[in-house]
Protein backbone atom coordinates (compact mmCIF):
# COMPACT_ATOMS: atom_id res chain seq x y z
CA MET A 1 116.19 171.36 195.74
CA SER A 2 116.30 173.67 192.90
CA GLU A 3 113.56 176.17 191.74
CA LYS A 4 113.63 174.24 188.42
CA ASN A 5 113.12 170.84 190.11
CA ARG A 6 110.41 172.03 192.31
CA SER A 7 108.68 173.70 189.43
CA THR A 8 108.54 170.41 187.52
CA ASN A 9 107.47 168.69 190.49
CA GLU A 10 104.72 170.79 191.64
CA ASP A 11 103.43 171.40 188.13
CA GLU A 12 103.01 167.79 187.79
CA ALA A 13 101.46 167.36 191.36
CA PRO A 14 97.82 167.20 190.48
CA GLU A 15 98.25 164.34 188.03
CA ALA A 16 100.75 162.55 190.48
CA THR A 17 98.04 162.91 193.23
CA ALA A 18 95.33 161.10 191.45
CA SER A 19 97.05 157.70 192.03
CA ILE A 20 98.08 158.26 195.60
CA THR A 21 96.37 156.31 198.29
CA TYR A 22 96.49 158.96 201.14
CA MET A 23 96.76 157.75 204.77
CA VAL A 24 96.28 159.27 208.15
CA PRO A 25 100.00 160.07 209.42
CA ARG A 26 101.16 158.32 212.25
CA LYS A 27 104.38 158.19 214.44
CA GLU A 28 107.09 155.88 213.42
CA ILE A 29 110.18 157.05 215.58
CA SER A 30 109.52 155.38 218.81
CA MET A 31 113.06 154.79 220.18
CA VAL A 32 116.41 156.80 219.89
CA CYS A 33 117.88 153.93 217.49
CA ASP A 34 115.01 154.94 215.03
CA MET A 35 116.39 158.32 214.45
CA GLU A 36 118.47 156.89 211.54
CA LYS A 37 115.07 155.95 209.82
CA TRP A 38 114.01 159.36 210.06
CA ARG A 39 117.48 160.91 208.80
CA ARG A 40 117.19 158.56 205.75
CA SER A 41 113.53 159.03 205.05
CA GLN A 42 111.91 160.60 202.26
CA ALA A 43 110.25 163.07 204.67
CA TYR A 44 113.33 164.47 205.97
CA ALA A 45 114.61 165.11 202.42
CA ASP A 46 111.21 166.65 201.35
CA TYR A 47 111.04 168.72 204.54
CA MET A 48 114.54 170.18 204.48
CA GLY A 49 114.23 170.64 200.78
CA PHE A 50 111.12 172.71 201.57
CA ILE A 51 112.78 174.79 204.30
CA LEU A 52 115.79 175.51 202.12
CA THR A 53 113.81 176.34 198.98
CA LEU A 54 111.80 179.07 201.00
CA ASN A 55 115.19 180.16 202.48
CA GLU A 56 116.48 180.98 199.03
CA ALA A 57 113.20 182.47 197.80
CA VAL A 58 113.07 185.22 200.61
CA LYS A 59 116.74 186.05 200.46
CA GLY A 60 117.24 189.73 200.30
CA LYS A 61 113.67 190.60 200.16
CA LYS A 62 111.66 192.72 202.34
CA LEU A 63 108.25 191.66 203.85
CA THR A 64 106.76 194.75 202.15
CA CYS A 65 107.97 193.71 198.54
CA GLU A 66 105.59 192.87 195.84
CA TYR A 67 104.73 189.27 195.32
CA GLN A 68 101.49 187.17 194.27
CA VAL A 69 98.87 186.20 196.50
CA SER A 70 97.04 183.29 195.23
CA PRO A 71 93.35 182.10 196.00
CA THR A 72 95.11 179.20 197.99
CA VAL A 73 97.10 181.60 200.18
CA GLU A 74 93.78 183.78 200.64
CA LYS A 75 92.03 180.55 201.87
CA LEU A 76 95.01 179.82 204.18
CA LEU A 77 94.80 183.25 205.59
CA GLU A 78 91.06 182.74 206.18
CA LEU A 79 91.91 179.53 208.04
CA LEU A 80 94.14 181.13 210.32
CA ALA A 81 91.74 184.04 210.92
CA THR A 82 89.26 181.46 212.21
CA LEU A 83 91.88 180.05 214.51
CA GLU A 84 92.33 183.60 215.78
CA ARG A 85 88.70 184.19 216.14
CA TRP A 86 88.10 181.00 218.23
CA ILE A 87 90.74 182.48 220.48
CA ASN A 88 88.81 185.48 221.03
CA GLU A 89 85.50 183.44 221.72
CA THR A 90 87.52 181.38 224.20
CA PRO A 91 88.75 183.46 226.92
CA PRO A 92 91.06 182.18 229.72
CA VAL A 93 89.50 180.54 232.79
CA ASP A 94 90.19 181.23 236.44
CA GLN A 95 92.52 178.90 237.78
CA PRO A 96 95.15 178.71 240.60
CA SER A 97 98.07 177.90 238.14
CA ARG A 98 99.54 180.83 236.23
CA PHE A 99 100.68 178.77 233.42
CA GLY A 100 98.94 176.39 231.00
CA ASN A 101 95.37 177.98 230.91
CA LYS A 102 92.72 174.87 230.58
CA ALA A 103 90.67 177.09 228.24
CA TYR A 104 93.41 176.21 225.79
CA ARG A 105 91.90 172.85 225.68
CA THR A 106 88.34 173.97 224.74
CA TRP A 107 89.94 175.89 221.99
CA TYR A 108 92.00 172.86 220.83
CA ALA A 109 89.00 170.53 220.92
CA LYS A 110 87.34 173.04 218.31
CA LEU A 111 90.10 172.76 216.01
CA ASP A 112 90.36 168.93 216.60
CA GLN A 113 86.61 168.66 215.49
CA GLU A 114 86.87 171.20 212.42
CA ALA A 115 90.41 170.77 211.05
CA GLU A 116 89.45 168.33 208.29
CA SER A 117 86.74 170.66 207.11
CA LEU A 118 89.17 173.60 207.46
CA VAL A 119 91.74 171.99 205.19
CA SER A 120 89.21 170.70 202.77
CA ALA A 121 88.08 174.51 202.22
CA VAL A 122 91.77 175.01 201.24
CA LEU A 123 92.01 172.36 198.66
CA SER A 124 90.37 172.01 195.34
CA ALA A 125 87.86 169.18 194.34
CA ASP A 126 90.40 166.91 192.76
CA THR A 127 92.76 167.12 195.90
CA CYS A 128 90.30 167.22 198.79
CA ALA A 129 90.88 163.33 199.34
CA ALA A 130 94.19 164.43 200.85
CA ALA A 131 92.45 166.45 203.69
CA PRO A 132 92.37 163.86 206.42
CA GLU A 133 96.10 163.40 205.83
CA ILE A 134 97.02 166.84 205.73
CA ALA A 135 94.61 168.06 208.53
CA VAL A 136 96.85 165.85 211.11
CA TYR A 137 99.63 168.26 210.49
CA LEU A 138 97.42 171.19 211.03
CA LYS A 139 96.35 169.78 214.49
CA GLU A 140 100.02 169.08 215.48
CA SER A 141 101.14 172.52 214.73
CA VAL A 142 99.32 174.51 217.48
CA GLY A 143 100.74 172.92 220.61
CA ASN A 144 99.97 170.03 222.92
CA SER A 145 96.61 170.00 224.45
CA THR A 146 97.79 167.64 227.46
CA ARG A 147 100.73 169.64 228.39
CA ILE A 148 99.49 173.02 227.25
CA ASP A 149 102.94 173.66 225.78
CA TYR A 150 104.36 174.57 222.30
CA GLY A 151 107.74 174.32 220.79
CA THR A 152 109.86 173.88 217.71
CA GLY A 153 108.16 170.48 216.86
CA HIS A 154 104.65 172.02 216.57
CA GLU A 155 106.20 174.80 214.30
CA ALA A 156 107.75 171.91 212.33
CA ALA A 157 104.45 170.47 211.92
CA PHE A 158 103.16 173.67 210.34
CA ALA A 159 105.85 173.65 207.87
CA ALA A 160 104.98 169.99 207.05
CA PHE A 161 101.54 171.08 206.69
CA LEU A 162 102.52 173.74 204.08
CA CYS A 163 105.00 171.29 202.38
CA CYS A 164 102.08 168.75 202.08
CA LEU A 165 100.01 171.43 200.35
CA CYS A 166 102.76 172.02 197.99
CA LYS A 167 103.04 168.38 197.19
CA VAL A 168 99.48 167.99 196.31
CA GLY A 169 99.72 171.21 193.92
CA ALA A 170 97.47 173.36 196.29
CA LEU A 171 100.74 175.71 196.81
CA ARG A 172 102.86 176.18 193.63
CA VAL A 173 106.35 177.74 193.15
CA GLU A 174 104.87 181.11 192.51
CA ASP A 175 103.54 181.21 195.96
CA GLN A 176 107.01 180.65 197.66
CA LEU A 177 107.17 184.38 199.01
CA ALA A 178 103.64 184.62 200.09
CA ILE A 179 104.05 181.30 201.94
CA VAL A 180 106.69 182.93 204.20
CA PHE A 181 105.53 186.41 204.16
CA LYS A 182 101.96 186.16 204.42
CA VAL A 183 101.04 182.60 205.65
CA PHE A 184 103.94 181.78 208.00
CA VAL A 185 104.00 185.37 209.44
CA ARG A 186 100.14 185.08 210.19
CA TYR A 187 100.76 181.76 211.68
CA LEU A 188 103.18 183.30 213.90
CA SER A 189 100.96 186.02 215.06
CA VAL A 190 98.35 183.47 215.94
CA MET A 191 100.78 181.20 217.80
CA ARG A 192 101.91 184.27 219.97
CA LYS A 193 98.24 185.06 220.69
CA LEU A 194 97.85 181.42 221.77
CA GLN A 195 101.20 181.54 223.80
CA THR A 196 100.15 184.77 225.53
CA THR A 197 96.41 184.19 226.06
CA TYR A 198 96.76 180.68 227.50
CA ARG A 199 100.20 181.16 229.03
CA MET A 200 101.51 178.02 227.43
CA GLU A 201 104.71 176.51 228.55
CA PRO A 202 107.77 176.28 225.95
CA ALA A 203 108.01 172.41 225.08
CA GLY A 204 111.53 171.28 225.67
CA SER A 205 112.81 174.62 226.32
CA GLN A 206 116.60 174.99 226.82
CA GLY A 207 116.03 178.15 228.60
CA VAL A 208 118.70 180.65 228.09
CA TRP A 209 120.69 178.21 225.96
CA GLY A 210 117.94 177.83 223.39
CA LEU A 211 117.58 180.12 220.45
CA ASP A 212 114.14 181.06 221.41
CA ASP A 213 111.36 179.54 223.76
CA PHE A 214 109.03 178.87 221.03
CA GLN A 215 110.23 179.30 217.44
CA PHE A 216 113.10 178.67 215.12
CA LEU A 217 112.29 179.00 211.38
CA PRO A 218 111.62 182.60 211.40
CA PHE A 219 115.32 183.22 212.45
CA ILE A 220 116.28 181.16 209.54
CA TRP A 221 114.22 182.87 206.90
CA GLY A 222 114.56 186.18 208.85
CA SER A 223 118.40 186.09 208.53
CA SER A 224 118.17 185.02 204.90
CA GLN A 225 116.02 188.33 204.14
CA PHE A 226 119.17 190.31 205.54
CA VAL A 227 121.64 188.68 203.16
CA GLY A 228 123.31 191.58 201.15
CA HIS A 229 121.66 194.31 203.15
CA PRO A 230 123.83 197.53 202.35
CA THR A 231 123.78 198.79 206.01
CA LEU A 232 122.02 196.47 208.72
CA GLU A 233 124.75 193.90 209.93
CA PRO A 234 124.25 191.08 212.56
CA ARG A 235 125.59 193.47 215.37
CA HIS A 236 122.77 195.86 214.74
CA PHE A 237 119.68 193.68 215.28
CA ILE A 238 119.57 194.34 219.36
CA GLU A 239 119.56 198.09 218.77
CA ASP A 240 115.96 199.38 219.67
CA ARG A 241 116.15 202.13 217.10
CA VAL A 242 116.85 199.34 214.45
CA VAL A 243 114.05 197.13 215.58
CA ASN A 244 111.65 199.98 215.83
CA GLU A 245 112.30 201.15 212.32
CA HIS A 246 112.71 198.02 210.55
CA HIS A 247 110.38 195.40 212.14
CA GLN A 248 107.69 195.78 209.58
CA ASP A 249 110.16 194.83 206.86
CA TYR A 250 112.00 191.87 208.50
CA ILE A 251 110.69 188.71 210.21
CA PHE A 252 113.75 188.48 212.28
CA LEU A 253 113.43 191.90 213.80
CA GLU A 254 109.71 191.30 214.38
CA CYS A 255 110.71 188.26 216.45
CA ILE A 256 113.33 190.33 218.49
CA LYS A 257 110.52 192.84 219.03
CA PHE A 258 108.21 190.24 220.60
CA ILE A 259 111.11 188.77 222.70
CA ASN A 260 111.78 192.31 224.01
CA GLU A 261 108.16 192.82 224.85
CA MET A 262 108.03 189.43 226.73
CA LYS A 263 111.26 189.40 228.54
CA THR A 264 112.96 191.97 230.89
CA GLY A 265 116.66 192.43 231.81
CA PRO A 266 119.61 192.53 229.76
CA PHE A 267 119.31 190.85 226.27
CA ALA A 268 122.52 189.00 226.63
CA GLU A 269 121.09 187.24 229.76
CA HIS A 270 117.73 186.16 228.72
CA SER A 271 118.61 185.41 224.89
CA ASN A 272 122.12 184.57 225.07
CA GLN A 273 122.16 182.37 221.85
CA LEU A 274 120.61 185.22 219.78
CA TRP A 275 122.98 187.60 221.30
CA ASN A 276 126.03 185.60 220.27
CA ILE A 277 124.69 186.20 216.67
CA THR A 278 125.77 189.91 216.80
CA ALA A 279 129.28 188.77 216.78
CA VAL A 280 129.07 187.01 213.49
CA ALA A 281 130.46 188.77 210.53
CA SER A 282 127.74 188.59 207.88
CA TRP A 283 124.10 187.69 207.51
CA SER A 284 125.18 184.98 205.13
CA LYS A 285 127.22 183.23 207.76
CA VAL A 286 124.34 183.48 210.30
CA ASN A 287 121.99 182.04 207.98
CA GLN A 288 124.17 179.06 207.41
CA GLY A 289 124.92 178.72 210.97
CA LEU A 290 121.19 178.75 211.95
CA ILE A 291 120.45 176.06 209.33
CA ARG A 292 123.11 173.87 210.89
CA MET A 293 121.92 174.58 214.33
CA TYR A 294 118.19 173.83 213.27
CA LYS A 295 119.36 170.38 212.11
CA ALA A 296 121.37 169.66 215.10
CA GLU A 297 119.07 171.06 218.02
CA CYS A 298 115.57 170.23 216.40
CA LEU A 299 115.49 167.70 213.61
CA GLU A 300 118.26 165.64 215.07
CA LYS A 301 116.81 165.49 218.66
CA PHE A 302 114.69 162.52 219.53
CA PRO A 303 112.41 164.31 222.08
CA VAL A 304 111.30 166.64 219.03
CA ILE A 305 111.19 164.08 216.20
CA GLN A 306 109.56 161.18 218.33
CA HIS A 307 106.07 163.20 217.82
CA PHE A 308 106.61 163.71 213.81
CA LYS A 309 103.94 161.77 211.85
CA PHE A 310 104.39 160.14 208.53
CA GLY A 311 101.93 159.54 205.71
CA SER A 312 101.81 159.14 202.11
CA LEU A 313 103.03 162.78 201.24
CA LEU A 314 105.71 162.79 204.05
CA SER A 315 106.89 159.27 203.84
CA VAL A 316 108.92 157.35 206.26
CA GLN A 317 110.42 155.24 203.34
CA PRO A 318 114.02 155.72 202.76
CA THR A 319 114.84 158.39 199.89
CA LYS A 320 115.32 156.67 196.52
CA PRO A 321 119.25 156.65 195.46
């Protein structure tokens, strides 16, 4: 999806949404044979277009570069600050099991109750009718309250949440850098706090054979940031000095820093797939490889996509030819 096309679509979004009948998103992929319906859907095209547009927007740019922060972005940061405040107000409870602290369910119940009003506060008067639809993606983006787990499907729901805000015109083309560098980075920080506070299980973890226990998108967008870097090559990112000196500029290194804090032992053993990236010749190749891997390991996997919900903004209808 080109910048030009996005600009046209998003500038027209407020007019377009006036005629939309919003709907509460629901699951449509109930069997493995339904996966073709997902691959051919408008939702898949819009979701992947959104991921790739942001991938292009952050290419070669540091977290500390200058970019616009719009009122909508500020409101989204306030929303995420509220979620973090609720974590502080809901300490873990004493329980026999080390993992899956049940206090998470108390925290989640608060979000379940307040999600619609939180989203309404981000939207303008002419788009607030979309709040019940968009709020579903926010609720799906923080983990599962039954299993007390979190994985790439929940992360995808947050990207879908942001994509929907673009589709109704709340977020615009000029917000692209802030979407990743401000909103998504803050979301990551809140999710890490959730994961560590309530000892959440990784959803569908492949263990050492997965890229990461919980996230994927920050490695895609983070590798894009490095494209064209004059000195830092893929072989450097596991060096402590590089991580310590540059993690405030690069999402990828911030992720490596968090992994190093959470895991012990040789990096090649606990994060084998990430370690393999050090052998790739260029960040451009890393970025392209991670996009392929994301499609194959996340978006093509029934256990992940069976939970994805479709509405009017991310539609299960086939893409128009």
